Every structure is written in structure tokens, then in C-alpha cells.
Amino acid sequence: MIEEQMICDFSTRCLQWQHIDDVVMGGVSASLLRRDADGTASFTGHLSLDNEGGFASVRTLLDDRQFDAFDGIRIRVKGDGNRYSFRIRNDDRFDGIVYKQDFYTLPDEWVVIDLPFHEFKPSFRGRIMQDAPPLDPGNIIQIGFLISMKQEGPFCLQIEWIKAYKAVPGEGNGKPL
């Protein structure tokens, strides 16, 4: 059995998202996150490698920030076959250390993806930081999505919800104890 806590479901609880693309470094990529009529959200745009660009992202500040009683983040998404990154920050800064975990999508297929906290890697401007402290699930200030990795062209990631999850031992969740 899995215990969950809703973070954002886009039909009843949609946080204030902002886009941050490579234009901050002279690139020309563009993205946005919009709330759709069916109660989902779409992170869409165009990724360009022009002017040494190559990333598009959206992020939001959380109201509830303490998730240390949970094992990770669970998302339900429908993608386009691209590789995306779910990102967490332990501060409210624009720039700095981000904790990331990449995931792949299947074209036009809804999937649920578990992103365990212990698998998030500290990164700064695309480089893994070996000496950074681990992610602090008790102080999650920002979350977001990013597309990069030279995946030039249009992209679309639909998101139904974002939750914190915890596996309950001994309840038949199919995971080893």
C-alpha cells in the first residue's frame, strides 16, 4: 500500500508556475505551463540550441514544504517520448543548487513515475555536484520540470498531478521490505 499527499492536481490545486528558459543566457527557447480544461496542465514549448541555448523549464514555490515523512515524489504524466527532469530546490533562490532526477516519457501514454528522494542528484547549471549536501525532504521550497539534453524542437509534457508518496511496509505494496 502507498500513502500519498497531494502537492498539485491542477483541477483543484494549481500552484503559481513561472517559466525560466535559456533566454536568461542568450538562448531562444520558449516554454509555458498552462492549465487545461480537463483539469491537467501542459508544459509546452520549443527547445532551441541557437545561441548556445538548450533548456526550458517551469517551477513553483510550495506552500507545504515538509515531506520528510515521505519516500519521494510521484507524478502522473503523458509525454512525447522526450527525457525530462523533475527538479527540487531547498531554497527560494533563482539560481544555485538544484536536486534533479531525470525520467523518460512514452509518446501519448499516461504513466505514473516514482522519483525516490534518495535518487535525486545535486546539480549546478547542469553539472552534478559531488560535494553538495543531499536533498532535504523536510525543506522542499521549489519544484519544477525541465527539458534539455539537446532535444531540439517542440515538446509537450501533460501533467495530471504531483504527489509525495510513502510505501507502507508489510501492506502488500510489491516492494521489498
Foldseek 3Di string as FASTA:
>chain_A
DKDKDFFAQQQPRDFDKDKDFQVVVPDDWDWDWARDPVRKIKIKTFADCPPNTFKIKMKGFGPQQAQPVFFFKKWKKAWQFAKKKKWWDLDDDPFDKIWIDIDTHDHGDIDIDTDTQVPTFIDGPRHTDPPDDGDDSGRTTMIMMMGGPPPGTIIMMMTRGMITMHDDPPPPPPDDD
